[in-house]
Amino acid sequence: LYCDGFNDEKRRSSRTVLNEVFKCLTTWLAPVICHTAEEAWLAHIGSDNDDSIHLKQFPNISEDWLDNDLNKKWINIRKIRRTINGALELARQDKIIGSSLDAEIKLYVKDNEYIPLIESIDINEIAIVSKYEIIEGSNIQAAYKEDSLKGLEIVVSKAKGDKCVRCWKIFDNFSYSSEDPLCERCTNVVK
């Protein structure tokens, strides 16, 4: 959220969702953790406001928000991310990478059902890595795999390129358009 521009649609959409989740959770939890919920609410709306969380009605959640297909998709995305995190942690322990943004991951996919799923999202954002590549088939090298996710093997290497000083991602084709080495996205945001 902090790397995108102030009026960026992705950032604004995320903030809207976070705001709705915050309002629902604080309202629902207020009877149980009354002081904590009140403090969180006042920090959110401003302490000079007399509006108490305990005077709010429980929110009515629209049935339109329930999307079972989207839920199944994100369950699978979380499984993929969990597997990637396992591979990243081993690479971190082996001193191949420091942070996950130092990583380039190769996803060896034997099960073609994963390819459209991975391509439908920005796996760099989900896995917090700088680069990724999808390769059909199995990897000859020692790759990380989990029994809970058959058909996906991951190889982690240190990403090559230049590091943006703002978002810390590593890029191949880096354009130094300012005093500081910023990627294209960050350059557009700070203008």
C-alpha atoms as a PDB file:
ATOM      1  CA  LEU A   1       0.000   0.000   0.000  1.00  0.00           C
ATOM      2  CA  TYR A   2       2.732   2.481   0.855  1.00  0.00           C
ATOM      3  CA  CYS A   3       4.539   2.064  -2.480  1.00  0.00           C
ATOM      4  CA  ASP A   4       1.572   2.853  -4.709  1.00  0.00           C
ATOM      5  CA  GLY A   5       0.548   6.402  -5.546  1.00  0.00           C
ATOM      6  CA  PHE A   6      -1.918   8.214  -3.298  1.00  0.00           C
ATOM      7  CA  ASN A   7      -4.726   8.035  -5.880  1.00  0.00           C
ATOM      8  CA  ASP A   8      -3.785   4.619  -7.276  1.00  0.00           C
ATOM      9  CA  GLU A   9      -6.903   2.473  -7.745  1.00  0.00           C
ATOM     10  CA  LYS A  10      -5.295  -0.625  -6.204  1.00  0.00           C
ATOM     11  CA  ARG A  11      -4.261   1.351  -3.118  1.00  0.00           C
ATOM     12  CA  ARG A  12      -7.643   3.055  -2.750  1.00  0.00           C
ATOM     13  CA  SER A  13      -9.511  -0.247  -3.182  1.00  0.00           C
ATOM     14  CA  SER A  14      -7.326  -1.900  -0.552  1.00  0.00           C
ATOM     15  CA  ARG A  15      -7.873   0.975   1.867  1.00  0.00           C
ATOM     16  CA  THR A  16     -11.637   0.747   1.368  1.00  0.00           C
ATOM     17  CA  VAL A  17     -11.616  -2.979   2.151  1.00  0.00           C
ATOM     18  CA  LEU A  18      -9.376  -2.458   5.196  1.00  0.00           C
ATOM     19  CA  ASN A  19     -11.690   0.284   6.457  1.00  0.00           C
ATOM     20  CA  GLU A  20     -14.773  -1.950   6.117  1.00  0.00           C
ATOM     21  CA  VAL A  21     -13.005  -4.852   7.852  1.00  0.00           C
ATOM     22  CA  PHE A  22     -11.864  -2.533  10.654  1.00  0.00           C
ATOM     23  CA  LYS A  23     -15.399  -1.206  11.225  1.00  0.00           C
ATOM     24  CA  CYS A  24     -16.879  -4.714  11.280  1.00  0.00           C
ATOM     25  CA  LEU A  25     -14.247  -6.199  13.586  1.00  0.00           C
ATOM     26  CA  THR A  26     -14.215  -3.357  16.101  1.00  0.00           C
ATOM     27  CA  THR A  27     -18.014  -3.317  16.252  1.00  0.00           C
ATOM     28  CA  TRP A  28     -18.255  -7.086  16.695  1.00  0.00           C
ATOM     29  CA  LEU A  29     -15.462  -7.235  19.276  1.00  0.00           C
ATOM     30  CA  ALA A  30     -16.564  -4.184  21.287  1.00  0.00           C
ATOM     31  CA  PRO A  31     -18.784  -6.165  23.711  1.00  0.00           C
ATOM     32  CA  VAL A  32     -15.903  -8.555  24.452  1.00  0.00           C
ATOM     33  CA  ILE A  33     -12.858  -6.269  24.548  1.00  0.00           C
ATOM     34  CA  CYS A  34     -14.642  -3.016  25.268  1.00  0.00           C
ATOM     35  CA  HIS A  35     -11.704  -0.763  26.191  1.00  0.00           C
ATOM     36  CA  THR A  36      -9.410  -1.992  23.417  1.00  0.00           C
ATOM     37  CA  ALA A  37     -12.160  -1.644  20.809  1.00  0.00           C
ATOM     38  CA  GLU A  38     -12.966   1.876  22.015  1.00  0.00           C
ATOM     39  CA  GLU A  39      -9.295   2.902  21.884  1.00  0.00           C
ATOM     40  CA  ALA A  40      -8.923   1.473  18.381  1.00  0.00           C
ATOM     41  CA  TRP A  41     -12.102   3.212  17.230  1.00  0.00           C
ATOM     42  CA  LEU A  42     -11.056   6.591  18.643  1.00  0.00           C
ATOM     43  CA  ALA A  43      -7.594   6.257  17.105  1.00  0.00           C
ATOM     44  CA  HIS A  44      -9.261   5.558  13.769  1.00  0.00           C
ATOM     45  CA  ILE A  45     -11.804   8.391  13.738  1.00  0.00           C
ATOM     46  CA  GLY A  46      -9.909  10.902  15.860  1.00  0.00           C
ATOM     47  CA  SER A  47      -9.942  11.295  19.618  1.00  0.00           C
ATOM     48  CA  ASP A  48     -11.667  14.703  19.491  1.00  0.00           C
ATOM     49  CA  ASN A  49     -14.785  12.967  18.194  1.00  0.00           C
ATOM     50  CA  ASP A  50     -17.369  11.891  20.804  1.00  0.00           C
ATOM     51  CA  ASP A  51     -18.594   8.989  18.657  1.00  0.00           C
ATOM     52  CA  SER A  52     -18.264   5.752  20.657  1.00  0.00           C
ATOM     53  CA  ILE A  53     -17.957   2.285  19.134  1.00  0.00           C
ATOM     54  CA  HIS A  54     -20.491   1.116  21.720  1.00  0.00           C
ATOM     55  CA  LEU A  55     -23.183   3.286  20.141  1.00  0.00           C
ATOM     56  CA  LYS A  56     -22.778   1.650  16.722  1.00  0.00           C
ATOM     57  CA  GLN A  57     -25.103  -0.993  15.321  1.00  0.00           C
ATOM     58  CA  PHE A  58     -23.600  -4.286  14.206  1.00  0.00           C
ATOM     59  CA  PRO A  59     -23.002  -4.048  10.461  1.00  0.00           C
ATOM     60  CA  ASN A  60     -25.227  -6.005   8.101  1.00  0.00           C
ATOM     61  CA  ILE A  61     -23.036  -7.891   5.665  1.00  0.00           C
ATOM     62  CA  SER A  62     -24.449  -8.154   2.165  1.00  0.00           C
ATOM     63  CA  GLU A  63     -24.968 -11.637   0.731  1.00  0.00           C
ATOM     64  CA  ASP A  64     -23.305 -10.308  -2.436  1.00  0.00           C
ATOM     65  CA  TRP A  65     -19.996 -10.345  -0.573  1.00  0.00           C
ATOM     66  CA  LEU A  66     -20.092 -14.146  -0.389  1.00  0.00           C
ATOM     67  CA  ASP A  67     -18.310 -15.548  -3.444  1.00  0.00           C
ATOM     68  CA  ASN A  68     -17.495 -19.250  -3.070  1.00  0.00           C
ATOM     69  CA  ASP A  69     -15.509 -19.401  -6.320  1.00  0.00           C
ATOM     70  CA  LEU A  70     -13.338 -16.489  -5.236  1.00  0.00           C
ATOM     71  CA  ASN A  71     -12.903 -18.127  -1.830  1.00  0.00           C
ATOM     72  CA  LYS A  72     -11.697 -21.374  -3.453  1.00  0.00           C
ATOM     73  CA  LYS A  73      -9.309 -19.410  -5.673  1.00  0.00           C
ATOM     74  CA  TRP A  74      -7.745 -17.639  -2.685  1.00  0.00           C
ATOM     75  CA  ILE A  75      -7.500 -20.853  -0.669  1.00  0.00           C
ATOM     76  CA  ASN A  76      -5.336 -22.225  -3.495  1.00  0.00           C
ATOM     77  CA  ILE A  77      -3.344 -18.987  -3.765  1.00  0.00           C
ATOM     78  CA  ARG A  78      -2.609 -19.161  -0.025  1.00  0.00           C
ATOM     79  CA  LYS A  79      -1.410 -22.770  -0.459  1.00  0.00           C
ATOM     80  CA  ILE A  80       0.934 -21.632  -3.233  1.00  0.00           C
ATOM     81  CA  ARG A  81       2.155 -18.723  -1.113  1.00  0.00           C
ATOM     82  CA  ARG A  82       2.741 -21.021   1.874  1.00  0.00           C
ATOM     83  CA  THR A  83       4.853 -23.288  -0.340  1.00  0.00           C
ATOM     84  CA  ILE A  84       6.797 -20.301  -1.694  1.00  0.00           C
ATOM     85  CA  ASN A  85       7.369 -19.079   1.870  1.00  0.00           C
ATOM     86  CA  GLY A  86       8.781 -22.489   2.797  1.00  0.00           C
ATOM     87  CA  ALA A  87      11.232 -22.298  -0.104  1.00  0.00           C
ATOM     88  CA  LEU A  88      12.171 -18.710   0.783  1.00  0.00           C
ATOM     89  CA  GLU A  89      12.804 -19.642   4.408  1.00  0.00           C
ATOM     90  CA  LEU A  90      15.179 -22.437   3.403  1.00  0.00           C
ATOM     91  CA  ALA A  91      16.992 -20.048   1.042  1.00  0.00           C
ATOM     92  CA  ARG A  92      17.238 -17.540   3.893  1.00  0.00           C
ATOM     93  CA  GLN A  93      18.696 -20.193   6.219  1.00  0.00           C
ATOM     94  CA  ASP A  94      21.204 -21.177   3.511  1.00  0.00           C
ATOM     95  CA  LYS A  95      22.199 -17.480   3.163  1.00  0.00           C
ATOM     96  CA  ILE A  96      21.137 -17.387  -0.507  1.00  0.00           C
ATOM     97  CA  ILE A  97      18.896 -14.403   0.194  1.00  0.00           C
ATOM     98  CA  GLY A  98      18.419 -11.937   3.016  1.00  0.00           C
ATOM     99  CA  SER A  99      14.857 -10.744   2.619  1.00  0.00           C
ATOM    100  CA  SER A 100      12.230 -12.194   0.317  1.00  0.00           C
ATOM    101  CA  LEU A 101      12.607  -9.188  -2.011  1.00  0.00           C
ATOM    102  CA  ASP A 102      16.170 -10.381  -2.721  1.00  0.00           C
ATOM    103  CA  ALA A 103      14.671 -13.498  -4.310  1.00  0.00           C
ATOM    104  CA  GLU A 104      13.879 -14.663  -7.783  1.00  0.00           C
ATOM    105  CA  ILE A 105      11.702 -17.759  -7.793  1.00  0.00           C
ATOM    106  CA  LYS A 106      11.211 -20.342 -10.485  1.00  0.00           C
ATOM    107  CA  LEU A 107       7.897 -22.162 -10.235  1.00  0.00           C
ATOM    108  CA  TYR A 108       8.102 -25.591 -11.860  1.00  0.00           C
ATOM    109  CA  VAL A 109       4.510 -26.576 -12.522  1.00  0.00           C
ATOM    110  CA  LYS A 110       3.534 -30.154 -13.371  1.00  0.00           C
ATOM    111  CA  ASP A 111      -0.181 -29.570 -12.855  1.00  0.00           C
ATOM    112  CA  ASN A 112      -1.461 -27.128 -15.491  1.00  0.00           C
ATOM    113  CA  GLU A 113      -4.339 -26.041 -13.242  1.00  0.00           C
ATOM    114  CA  TYR A 114      -1.856 -23.870 -11.313  1.00  0.00           C
ATOM    115  CA  ILE A 115      -0.649 -21.886 -14.336  1.00  0.00           C
ATOM    116  CA  PRO A 116      -3.820 -19.814 -14.957  1.00  0.00           C
ATOM    117  CA  LEU A 117      -4.190 -19.321 -11.210  1.00  0.00           C
ATOM    118  CA  ILE A 118      -0.644 -17.967 -10.842  1.00  0.00           C
ATOM    119  CA  GLU A 119      -0.976 -15.836 -13.979  1.00  0.00           C
ATOM    120  CA  SER A 120      -4.258 -14.330 -12.729  1.00  0.00           C
ATOM    121  CA  ILE A 121      -2.496 -12.554  -9.858  1.00  0.00           C
ATOM    122  CA  ASP A 122       0.702 -10.610  -9.307  1.00  0.00           C
ATOM    123  CA  ILE A 123       2.704 -13.361  -7.622  1.00  0.00           C
ATOM    124  CA  ASN A 124       5.504 -10.853  -6.949  1.00  0.00           C
ATOM    125  CA  GLU A 125       3.130  -8.933  -4.680  1.00  0.00           C
ATOM    126  CA  ILE A 126       1.558 -12.010  -3.087  1.00  0.00           C
ATOM    127  CA  ALA A 127       4.873 -13.746  -2.344  1.00  0.00           C
ATOM    128  CA  ILE A 128       6.805 -10.489  -1.748  1.00  0.00           C
ATOM    129  CA  VAL A 129       9.569 -11.396  -4.216  1.00  0.00           C
ATOM    130  CA  SER A 130      11.242  -9.347  -6.943  1.00  0.00           C
ATOM    131  CA  LYS A 131      10.958 -11.779  -9.845  1.00  0.00           C
ATOM    132  CA  TYR A 132       9.310 -15.039 -10.793  1.00  0.00           C
ATOM    133  CA  GLU A 133       9.150 -17.380 -13.733  1.00  0.00           C
ATOM    134  CA  ILE A 134       6.685 -20.168 -14.463  1.00  0.00           C
ATOM    135  CA  ILE A 135       8.198 -23.261 -16.083  1.00  0.00           C
ATOM    136  CA  GLU A 136       6.076 -26.196 -17.181  1.00  0.00           C
ATOM    137  CA  GLY A 137       7.408 -29.552 -16.069  1.00  0.00           C
ATOM    138  CA  SER A 138       9.609 -30.849 -13.314  1.00  0.00           C
ATOM    139  CA  ASN A 139      12.942 -29.473 -12.206  1.00  0.00           C
ATOM    140  CA  ILE A 140      16.058 -31.642 -12.353  1.00  0.00           C
ATOM    141  CA  GLN A 141      17.766 -29.694  -9.553  1.00  0.00           C
ATOM    142  CA  ALA A 142      16.827 -30.019  -5.939  1.00  0.00           C
ATOM    143  CA  ALA A 143      13.642 -28.001  -5.669  1.00  0.00           C
ATOM    144  CA  TYR A 144      11.447 -27.215  -2.692  1.00  0.00           C
ATOM    145  CA  LYS A 145       8.117 -29.018  -2.678  1.00  0.00           C
ATOM    146  CA  GLU A 146       5.417 -29.763  -0.154  1.00  0.00           C
ATOM    147  CA  ASP A 147       3.249 -32.848   0.079  1.00  0.00           C
ATOM    148  CA  SER A 148       0.183 -30.662   0.583  1.00  0.00           C
ATOM    149  CA  LEU A 149       0.632 -29.099  -2.871  1.00  0.00           C
ATOM    150  CA  LYS A 150       1.450 -31.727  -5.473  1.00  0.00           C
ATOM    151  CA  GLY A 151       2.701 -30.594  -8.868  1.00  0.00           C
ATOM    152  CA  LEU A 152       4.542 -27.443  -7.785  1.00  0.00           C
ATOM    153  CA  GLU A 153       8.283 -27.220  -7.194  1.00  0.00           C
ATOM    154  CA  ILE A 154      10.153 -24.039  -6.346  1.00  0.00           C
ATOM    155  CA  VAL A 155      13.746 -22.994  -6.830  1.00  0.00           C
ATOM    156  CA  VAL A 156      14.929 -19.803  -5.151  1.00  0.00           C
ATOM    157  CA  SER A 157      17.941 -17.815  -6.304  1.00  0.00           C
ATOM    158  CA  LYS A 158      19.264 -14.348  -5.602  1.00  0.00           C
ATOM    159  CA  ALA A 159      17.669 -11.866  -7.998  1.00  0.00           C
ATOM    160  CA  LYS A 160      20.092 -10.103 -10.308  1.00  0.00           C
ATOM    161  CA  GLY A 161      19.734  -6.441 -11.158  1.00  0.00           C
ATOM    162  CA  ASP A 162      19.461  -3.119  -9.409  1.00  0.00           C
ATOM    163  CA  LYS A 163      17.507  -2.470  -6.232  1.00  0.00           C
ATOM    164  CA  CYS A 164      14.999   0.380  -6.048  1.00  0.00           C
ATOM    165  CA  VAL A 165      15.761   2.406  -2.931  1.00  0.00           C
ATOM    166  CA  ARG A 166      12.056   3.075  -2.304  1.00  0.00           C
ATOM    167  CA  CYS A 167      10.258  -0.267  -2.786  1.00  0.00           C
ATOM    168  CA  TRP A 168      13.386  -2.478  -2.491  1.00  0.00           C
ATOM    169  CA  LYS A 169      12.429  -4.618  -5.480  1.00  0.00           C
ATOM    170  CA  ILE A 170      15.187  -5.714  -7.835  1.00  0.00           C
ATOM    171  CA  PHE A 171      14.821  -4.965 -11.554  1.00  0.00           C
ATOM    172  CA  ASP A 172      16.722  -5.995 -14.693  1.00  0.00           C
ATOM    173  CA  ASN A 173      16.001  -2.961 -16.815  1.00  0.00           C
ATOM    174  CA  PHE A 174      16.474  -0.197 -14.338  1.00  0.00           C
ATOM    175  CA  SER A 175      16.199   3.407 -15.491  1.00  0.00           C
ATOM    176  CA  TYR A 176      17.920   5.995 -13.383  1.00  0.00           C
ATOM    177  CA  SER A 177      15.594   8.894 -14.046  1.00  0.00           C
ATOM    178  CA  SER A 178      16.394  10.804 -10.897  1.00  0.00           C
ATOM    179  CA  GLU A 179      19.117  11.366  -8.338  1.00  0.00           C
ATOM    180  CA  ASP A 180      18.068   8.219  -6.498  1.00  0.00           C
ATOM    181  CA  PRO A 181      17.843   4.842  -8.232  1.00  0.00           C
ATOM    182  CA  LEU A 182      14.059   4.437  -8.415  1.00  0.00           C
ATOM    183  CA  CYS A 183      12.047   1.970 -10.448  1.00  0.00           C
ATOM    184  CA  GLU A 184       9.485   3.226 -12.944  1.00  0.00           C
ATOM    185  CA  ARG A 185       6.550   2.813 -10.532  1.00  0.00           C
ATOM    186  CA  CYS A 186       8.290   4.661  -7.705  1.00  0.00           C
ATOM    187  CA  THR A 187       9.503   7.404 -10.066  1.00  0.00           C
ATOM    188  CA  ASN A 188       5.900   8.010 -11.179  1.00  0.00           C
ATOM    189  CA  VAL A 189       4.659   8.062  -7.567  1.00  0.00           C
ATOM    190  CA  VAL A 190       7.178  10.587  -6.240  1.00  0.00           C
ATOM    191  CA  LYS A 191       6.748  13.035  -9.146  1.00  0.00           C
END
